[in-house]
Amino acid sequence: MKKMYEDAALRSQFEAKAAKRAEQFDVNEIKQYFHVAFTGL
């Protein structure tokens, strides 16, 4: 039970952080970065 609770708590913390990070970053900007990074290989 304790492990299940801890896993759920960690997951909810991660999801909250992920949502905040998604607001900070522009998806198109990230796509452009990866496009440039991988076409240079």
PDB file of N, CA and C in Angstrom:
ATOM      1  N   MET A   1       0.839  -1.200   0.000  1.00  0.00           N
ATOM      2  CA  MET A   1       0.000   0.000   0.000  1.00  0.00           C
ATOM      3  C   MET A   1       0.880   1.258   0.000  1.00  0.00           C
ATOM      4  N   LYS A   2       1.896   1.247   0.866  1.00  0.00           N
ATOM      5  CA  LYS A   2       2.764   2.414   0.958  1.00  0.00           C
ATOM      6  C   LYS A   2       3.465   2.666  -0.375  1.00  0.00           C
ATOM      7  N   LYS A   3       3.960   1.601  -1.005  1.00  0.00           N
ATOM      8  CA  LYS A   3       4.659   1.746  -2.292  1.00  0.00           C
ATOM      9  C   LYS A   3       3.703   2.293  -3.355  1.00  0.00           C
ATOM     10  N   MET A   4       2.483   1.802  -3.376  1.00  0.00           N
ATOM     11  CA  MET A   4       1.498   2.294  -4.339  1.00  0.00           C
ATOM     12  C   MET A   4       1.235   3.780  -4.118  1.00  0.00           C
ATOM     13  N   TYR A   5       1.134   4.188  -2.857  1.00  0.00           N
ATOM     14  CA  TYR A   5       0.893   5.596  -2.533  1.00  0.00           C
ATOM     15  C   TYR A   5       2.072   6.451  -2.989  1.00  0.00           C
ATOM     16  N   GLU A   6       3.295   5.987  -2.716  1.00  0.00           N
ATOM     17  CA  GLU A   6       4.490   6.738  -3.103  1.00  0.00           C
ATOM     18  C   GLU A   6       4.580   6.859  -4.622  1.00  0.00           C
ATOM     19  N   ASP A   7       4.293   5.773  -5.330  1.00  0.00           N
ATOM     20  CA  ASP A   7       4.326   5.807  -6.793  1.00  0.00           C
ATOM     21  C   ASP A   7       3.311   6.817  -7.331  1.00  0.00           C
ATOM     22  N   ALA A   8       2.121   6.822  -6.759  1.00  0.00           N
ATOM     23  CA  ALA A   8       1.080   7.751  -7.210  1.00  0.00           C
ATOM     24  C   ALA A   8       1.487   9.188  -6.907  1.00  0.00           C
ATOM     25  N   ALA A   9       2.106   9.410  -5.766  1.00  0.00           N
ATOM     26  CA  ALA A   9       2.535  10.762  -5.392  1.00  0.00           C
ATOM     27  C   ALA A   9       3.628  11.248  -6.342  1.00  0.00           C
ATOM     28  N   LEU A  10       4.586  10.379  -6.639  1.00  0.00           N
ATOM     29  CA  LEU A  10       5.654  10.750  -7.564  1.00  0.00           C
ATOM     30  C   LEU A  10       5.102  11.047  -8.947  1.00  0.00           C
ATOM     31  N   ARG A  11       4.154  10.214  -9.387  1.00  0.00           N
ATOM     32  CA  ARG A  11       3.559  10.410 -10.711  1.00  0.00           C
ATOM     33  C   ARG A  11       2.832  11.747 -10.778  1.00  0.00           C
ATOM     34  N   SER A  12       2.079  12.085  -9.739  1.00  0.00           N
ATOM     35  CA  SER A  12       1.344  13.350  -9.766  1.00  0.00           C
ATOM     36  C   SER A  12       2.296  14.540  -9.729  1.00  0.00           C
ATOM     37  N   GLN A  13       3.401  14.419  -8.986  1.00  0.00           N
ATOM     38  CA  GLN A  13       4.403  15.491  -8.969  1.00  0.00           C
ATOM     39  C   GLN A  13       5.019  15.646 -10.356  1.00  0.00           C
ATOM     40  N   PHE A  14       5.354  14.532 -10.981  1.00  0.00           N
ATOM     41  CA  PHE A  14       5.953  14.570 -12.321  1.00  0.00           C
ATOM     42  C   PHE A  14       4.995  15.204 -13.320  1.00  0.00           C
ATOM     43  N   GLU A  15       3.724  14.819 -13.262  1.00  0.00           N
ATOM     44  CA  GLU A  15       2.740  15.357 -14.196  1.00  0.00           C
ATOM     45  C   GLU A  15       2.559  16.852 -13.999  1.00  0.00           C
ATOM     46  N   ALA A  16       2.601  17.309 -12.748  1.00  0.00           N
ATOM     47  CA  ALA A  16       2.462  18.742 -12.483  1.00  0.00           C
ATOM     48  C   ALA A  16       3.666  19.498 -13.040  1.00  0.00           C
ATOM     49  N   LYS A  17       4.860  18.947 -12.835  1.00  0.00           N
ATOM     50  CA  LYS A  17       6.071  19.588 -13.365  1.00  0.00           C
ATOM     51  C   LYS A  17       6.072  19.577 -14.887  1.00  0.00           C
ATOM     52  N   ALA A  18       5.639  18.477 -15.475  1.00  0.00           N
ATOM     53  CA  ALA A  18       5.613  18.358 -16.930  1.00  0.00           C
ATOM     54  C   ALA A  18       4.668  19.397 -17.527  1.00  0.00           C
ATOM     55  N   ALA A  19       3.535  19.625 -16.884  1.00  0.00           N
ATOM     56  CA  ALA A  19       2.590  20.617 -17.385  1.00  0.00           C
ATOM     57  C   ALA A  19       3.201  22.017 -17.336  1.00  0.00           C
ATOM     58  N   LYS A  20       3.912  22.333 -16.249  1.00  0.00           N
ATOM     59  CA  LYS A  20       4.550  23.642 -16.138  1.00  0.00           C
ATOM     60  C   LYS A  20       5.634  23.801 -17.194  1.00  0.00           C
ATOM     61  N   ARG A  21       6.411  22.754 -17.425  1.00  0.00           N
ATOM     62  CA  ARG A  21       7.464  22.815 -18.436  1.00  0.00           C
ATOM     63  C   ARG A  21       6.867  22.981 -19.824  1.00  0.00           C
ATOM     64  N   ALA A  22       5.756  22.322 -20.087  1.00  0.00           N
ATOM     65  CA  ALA A  22       5.117  22.427 -21.399  1.00  0.00           C
ATOM     66  C   ALA A  22       4.669  23.866 -21.654  1.00  0.00           C
ATOM     67  N   GLU A  23       4.266  24.580 -20.601  1.00  0.00           N
ATOM     68  CA  GLU A  23       3.868  25.973 -20.766  1.00  0.00           C
ATOM     69  C   GLU A  23       5.075  26.840 -21.095  1.00  0.00           C
ATOM     70  N   GLN A  24       6.244  26.479 -20.576  1.00  0.00           N
ATOM     71  CA  GLN A  24       7.440  27.290 -20.774  1.00  0.00           C
ATOM     72  C   GLN A  24       8.021  27.126 -22.171  1.00  0.00           C
ATOM     73  N   PHE A  25       7.889  25.950 -22.753  1.00  0.00           N
ATOM     74  CA  PHE A  25       8.521  25.675 -24.035  1.00  0.00           C
ATOM     75  C   PHE A  25       7.535  25.724 -25.182  1.00  0.00           C
ATOM     76  N   ASP A  26       8.009  26.228 -26.296  1.00  0.00           N
ATOM     77  CA  ASP A  26       7.210  26.230 -27.510  1.00  0.00           C
ATOM     78  C   ASP A  26       7.536  24.952 -28.279  1.00  0.00           C
ATOM     79  N   VAL A  27       6.528  24.156 -28.590  1.00  0.00           N
ATOM     80  CA  VAL A  27       6.747  22.869 -29.243  1.00  0.00           C
ATOM     81  C   VAL A  27       7.429  23.044 -30.591  1.00  0.00           C
ATOM     82  N   ASN A  28       7.032  24.040 -31.353  1.00  0.00           N
ATOM     83  CA  ASN A  28       7.643  24.262 -32.660  1.00  0.00           C
ATOM     84  C   ASN A  28       9.118  24.607 -32.529  1.00  0.00           C
ATOM     85  N   GLU A  29       9.455  25.347 -31.492  1.00  0.00           N
ATOM     86  CA  GLU A  29      10.852  25.695 -31.243  1.00  0.00           C
ATOM     87  C   GLU A  29      11.665  24.437 -30.967  1.00  0.00           C
ATOM     88  N   ILE A  30      11.113  23.519 -30.211  1.00  0.00           N
ATOM     89  CA  ILE A  30      11.794  22.260 -29.904  1.00  0.00           C
ATOM     90  C   ILE A  30      11.956  21.426 -31.176  1.00  0.00           C
ATOM     91  N   LYS A  31      10.905  21.369 -31.998  1.00  0.00           N
ATOM     92  CA  LYS A  31      10.981  20.614 -33.254  1.00  0.00           C
ATOM     93  C   LYS A  31      12.071  21.168 -34.152  1.00  0.00           C
ATOM     94  N   GLN A  32      12.174  22.494 -34.226  1.00  0.00           N
ATOM     95  CA  GLN A  32      13.205  23.114 -35.058  1.00  0.00           C
ATOM     96  C   GLN A  32      14.581  22.748 -34.534  1.00  0.00           C
ATOM     97  N   TYR A  33      14.739  22.770 -33.215  1.00  0.00           N
ATOM     98  CA  TYR A  33      16.025  22.432 -32.613  1.00  0.00           C
ATOM     99  C   TYR A  33      16.442  21.008 -32.978  1.00  0.00           C
ATOM    100  N   PHE A  34      15.518  20.069 -32.837  1.00  0.00           N
ATOM    101  CA  PHE A  34      15.846  18.679 -33.155  1.00  0.00           C
ATOM    102  C   PHE A  34      16.111  18.503 -34.647  1.00  0.00           C
ATOM    103  N   HIS A  35      15.354  19.203 -35.482  1.00  0.00           N
ATOM    104  CA  HIS A  35      15.565  19.110 -36.924  1.00  0.00           C
ATOM    105  C   HIS A  35      16.991  19.552 -37.272  1.00  0.00           C
ATOM    106  N   VAL A  36      17.407  20.670 -36.722  1.00  0.00           N
ATOM    107  CA  VAL A  36      18.755  21.181 -36.981  1.00  0.00           C
ATOM    108  C   VAL A  36      19.793  20.220 -36.414  1.00  0.00           C
ATOM    109  N   ALA A  37      19.550  19.726 -35.215  1.00  0.00           N
ATOM    110  CA  ALA A  37      20.513  18.834 -34.564  1.00  0.00           C
ATOM    111  C   ALA A  37      20.694  17.539 -35.352  1.00  0.00           C
ATOM    112  N   PHE A  38      19.600  16.957 -35.850  1.00  0.00           N
ATOM    113  CA  PHE A  38      19.697  15.653 -36.506  1.00  0.00           C
ATOM    114  C   PHE A  38      20.080  15.749 -37.976  1.00  0.00           C
ATOM    115  N   THR A  39      19.785  16.886 -38.624  1.00  0.00           N
ATOM    116  CA  THR A  39      20.207  17.007 -40.018  1.00  0.00           C
ATOM    117  C   THR A  39      21.698  17.290 -40.098  1.00  0.00           C
ATOM    118  N   GLY A  40      22.290  17.743 -38.990  1.00  0.00           N
ATOM    119  CA  GLY A  40      23.720  18.003 -38.965  1.00  0.00           C
ATOM    120  C   GLY A  40      24.554  16.742 -38.772  1.00  0.00           C
ATOM    121  N   LEU A  41      23.919  15.625 -38.501  1.00  0.00           N
ATOM    122  CA  LEU A  41      24.666  14.383 -38.253  1.00  0.00           C
ATOM    123  C   LEU A  41      25.196  13.780 -39.539  1.00  0.00           C
TER     124      LEU A  41
END
